[in-house]
Amino acid sequence: MCPHEPACPHADAKDREAARTIATHPEQGWSLLCNGVVLFEDTGELLPDGGVIAPHRPTDMAVNAA
């Protein structure tokens, strides 16, 4: 449960990366967000339910939108 006001985005939300960082390990290349998402420095994500989001860059999104 997120203790922040306003609450951080849920792990299923499109803006899940906007959640606050609660632990960071730059030497290992990952951070844990308040919503339980593990965010990797290559922009990949591991969701709390075990789901995986492949690395994505803003330029990848522009190509996919075209």
N, C-alpha and C. Protein backbone atom coordinates (compact mmCIF):
# COMPACT_ATOMS: atom_id res chain seq x y z
N MET A 1 0.83 -1.18 0.00
CA MET A 1 0.00 0.00 0.00
C MET A 1 0.88 1.25 0.00
N CYS A 2 0.60 2.14 -0.90
CA CYS A 2 1.40 3.36 -1.03
C CYS A 2 1.02 4.37 0.06
N PRO A 3 2.01 4.84 0.85
CA PRO A 3 1.72 5.81 1.89
C PRO A 3 1.75 7.26 1.41
N HIS A 4 2.06 7.49 0.15
CA HIS A 4 2.21 8.85 -0.36
C HIS A 4 0.86 9.50 -0.68
N GLU A 5 0.82 10.82 -0.59
CA GLU A 5 -0.35 11.60 -0.96
C GLU A 5 0.05 12.58 -2.03
N PRO A 6 -0.48 12.57 -3.19
CA PRO A 6 -1.40 11.57 -3.72
C PRO A 6 -0.68 10.23 -3.92
N ALA A 7 -1.47 9.20 -3.97
CA ALA A 7 -0.90 7.85 -4.09
C ALA A 7 -0.15 7.68 -5.41
N CYS A 8 0.89 6.86 -5.37
CA CYS A 8 1.65 6.56 -6.58
C CYS A 8 0.79 5.74 -7.55
N PRO A 9 1.09 5.83 -8.85
CA PRO A 9 0.33 5.04 -9.83
C PRO A 9 0.47 3.54 -9.54
N HIS A 10 -0.58 2.81 -9.76
CA HIS A 10 -0.59 1.36 -9.57
C HIS A 10 0.35 0.71 -10.59
N ALA A 11 0.84 -0.46 -10.28
CA ALA A 11 1.77 -1.18 -11.16
C ALA A 11 1.16 -1.50 -12.52
N ASP A 12 -0.18 -1.55 -12.62
CA ASP A 12 -0.85 -1.82 -13.89
C ASP A 12 -1.09 -0.57 -14.73
N ALA A 13 -0.86 0.61 -14.15
CA ALA A 13 -1.13 1.87 -14.85
C ALA A 13 -0.07 2.16 -15.91
N LYS A 14 -0.44 2.88 -16.94
CA LYS A 14 0.52 3.24 -17.99
C LYS A 14 1.63 4.14 -17.45
N ASP A 15 1.33 4.94 -16.43
CA ASP A 15 2.34 5.84 -15.85
C ASP A 15 3.01 5.25 -14.61
N ARG A 16 3.09 3.92 -14.53
CA ARG A 16 3.65 3.23 -13.37
C ARG A 16 5.07 3.69 -13.03
N GLU A 17 5.83 4.15 -14.01
CA GLU A 17 7.21 4.59 -13.77
C GLU A 17 7.28 5.89 -12.98
N ALA A 18 6.13 6.57 -12.81
CA ALA A 18 6.08 7.82 -12.05
C ALA A 18 6.04 7.59 -10.55
N ALA A 19 5.93 6.34 -10.11
CA ALA A 19 5.92 6.04 -8.67
C ALA A 19 7.26 6.42 -8.06
N ARG A 20 7.24 6.72 -6.79
CA ARG A 20 8.47 7.11 -6.09
C ARG A 20 9.43 5.94 -5.94
N THR A 21 10.70 6.25 -6.01
CA THR A 21 11.75 5.24 -5.81
C THR A 21 11.92 5.03 -4.31
N ILE A 22 11.88 3.77 -3.88
CA ILE A 22 12.07 3.49 -2.45
C ILE A 22 13.39 2.77 -2.17
N ALA A 23 14.00 2.20 -3.20
CA ALA A 23 15.33 1.59 -3.06
C ALA A 23 16.01 1.68 -4.42
N THR A 24 17.29 2.01 -4.39
CA THR A 24 18.03 2.10 -5.65
C THR A 24 19.38 1.41 -5.50
N HIS A 25 19.75 0.72 -6.55
CA HIS A 25 21.04 0.01 -6.60
C HIS A 25 21.69 0.29 -7.95
N PRO A 26 22.23 1.50 -8.13
CA PRO A 26 22.81 1.87 -9.43
C PRO A 26 23.98 0.97 -9.83
N GLU A 27 24.68 0.42 -8.85
CA GLU A 27 25.81 -0.46 -9.17
C GLU A 27 25.32 -1.76 -9.81
N GLN A 28 24.04 -2.10 -9.57
CA GLN A 28 23.45 -3.30 -10.17
C GLN A 28 22.48 -2.95 -11.29
N GLY A 29 22.17 -1.65 -11.44
CA GLY A 29 21.35 -1.19 -12.55
C GLY A 29 19.85 -1.30 -12.36
N TRP A 30 19.36 -1.24 -11.11
CA TRP A 30 17.92 -1.33 -10.91
C TRP A 30 17.47 -0.49 -9.72
N SER A 31 16.17 -0.17 -9.73
CA SER A 31 15.54 0.56 -8.63
C SER A 31 14.18 -0.07 -8.35
N LEU A 32 13.77 -0.03 -7.09
CA LEU A 32 12.45 -0.52 -6.69
C LEU A 32 11.55 0.68 -6.48
N LEU A 33 10.40 0.67 -7.14
CA LEU A 33 9.44 1.75 -7.01
C LEU A 33 8.41 1.41 -5.94
N CYS A 34 7.73 2.42 -5.43
CA CYS A 34 6.74 2.27 -4.37
C CYS A 34 5.62 1.30 -4.74
N ASN A 35 5.31 1.20 -6.02
CA ASN A 35 4.23 0.32 -6.46
C ASN A 35 4.68 -1.13 -6.68
N GLY A 36 5.92 -1.43 -6.34
CA GLY A 36 6.43 -2.80 -6.45
C GLY A 36 7.11 -3.11 -7.76
N VAL A 37 7.19 -2.16 -8.67
CA VAL A 37 7.84 -2.35 -9.96
C VAL A 37 9.35 -2.22 -9.78
N VAL A 38 10.09 -3.16 -10.37
CA VAL A 38 11.55 -3.04 -10.43
C VAL A 38 11.88 -2.45 -11.79
N LEU A 39 12.51 -1.28 -11.77
CA LEU A 39 12.84 -0.55 -12.99
C LEU A 39 14.34 -0.70 -13.24
N PHE A 40 14.70 -1.20 -14.42
CA PHE A 40 16.10 -1.40 -14.78
C PHE A 40 16.63 -0.22 -15.58
N GLU A 41 17.94 0.00 -15.53
CA GLU A 41 18.53 1.16 -16.20
C GLU A 41 18.36 1.11 -17.72
N ASP A 42 18.11 -0.06 -18.29
CA ASP A 42 17.88 -0.13 -19.74
C ASP A 42 16.41 0.14 -20.09
N THR A 43 15.62 0.56 -19.10
CA THR A 43 14.20 0.90 -19.18
C THR A 43 13.29 -0.32 -19.18
N GLY A 44 13.82 -1.51 -18.99
CA GLY A 44 12.99 -2.69 -18.81
C GLY A 44 12.38 -2.67 -17.42
N GLU A 45 11.30 -3.43 -17.23
CA GLU A 45 10.61 -3.44 -15.95
C GLU A 45 10.20 -4.86 -15.58
N LEU A 46 10.21 -5.13 -14.30
CA LEU A 46 9.68 -6.37 -13.75
C LEU A 46 8.51 -5.97 -12.86
N LEU A 47 7.32 -6.47 -13.18
CA LEU A 47 6.12 -6.11 -12.45
C LEU A 47 5.94 -7.00 -11.23
N PRO A 48 5.20 -6.55 -10.22
CA PRO A 48 5.03 -7.34 -9.00
C PRO A 48 4.40 -8.72 -9.24
N ASP A 49 3.60 -8.86 -10.30
CA ASP A 49 2.97 -10.15 -10.58
C ASP A 49 3.87 -11.08 -11.39
N GLY A 50 5.12 -10.64 -11.65
CA GLY A 50 6.07 -11.45 -12.41
C GLY A 50 6.09 -11.11 -13.89
N GLY A 51 5.22 -10.21 -14.31
CA GLY A 51 5.20 -9.78 -15.71
C GLY A 51 6.45 -9.00 -16.06
N VAL A 52 6.76 -8.97 -17.33
CA VAL A 52 7.97 -8.29 -17.82
C VAL A 52 7.57 -7.27 -18.87
N ILE A 53 8.15 -6.08 -18.77
CA ILE A 53 8.00 -5.05 -19.78
C ILE A 53 9.38 -4.92 -20.43
N ALA A 54 9.43 -5.15 -21.73
CA ALA A 54 10.70 -5.08 -22.45
C ALA A 54 11.26 -3.65 -22.40
N PRO A 55 12.58 -3.52 -22.49
CA PRO A 55 13.16 -2.18 -22.54
C PRO A 55 12.51 -1.34 -23.64
N HIS A 56 12.27 -0.08 -23.31
CA HIS A 56 11.62 0.83 -24.25
C HIS A 56 12.23 2.21 -24.10
N ARG A 57 12.39 2.85 -25.18
CA ARG A 57 12.97 4.19 -25.22
C ARG A 57 11.95 5.12 -25.88
N PRO A 58 12.00 6.41 -25.59
CA PRO A 58 11.08 7.34 -26.22
C PRO A 58 11.11 7.26 -27.75
N THR A 59 12.28 6.98 -28.31
CA THR A 59 12.37 6.88 -29.76
C THR A 59 11.66 5.63 -30.27
N ASP A 60 11.63 4.54 -29.46
CA ASP A 60 10.89 3.34 -29.83
C ASP A 60 9.41 3.63 -29.92
N MET A 61 8.90 4.45 -29.01
CA MET A 61 7.48 4.77 -28.99
C MET A 61 7.10 5.59 -30.22
N ALA A 62 7.98 6.49 -30.66
CA ALA A 62 7.70 7.30 -31.84
C ALA A 62 7.64 6.42 -33.09
N VAL A 63 8.49 5.43 -33.18
CA VAL A 63 8.50 4.52 -34.32
C VAL A 63 7.24 3.67 -34.32
N ASN A 64 6.83 3.18 -33.15
CA ASN A 64 5.63 2.36 -33.04
C ASN A 64 4.38 3.15 -33.34
N ALA A 65 4.37 4.44 -33.08
CA ALA A 65 3.19 5.27 -33.33
C ALA A 65 3.03 5.59 -34.81
N ALA A 66 4.10 5.50 -35.56
CA ALA A 66 4.05 5.88 -36.98
C ALA A 66 3.41 4.81 -37.83
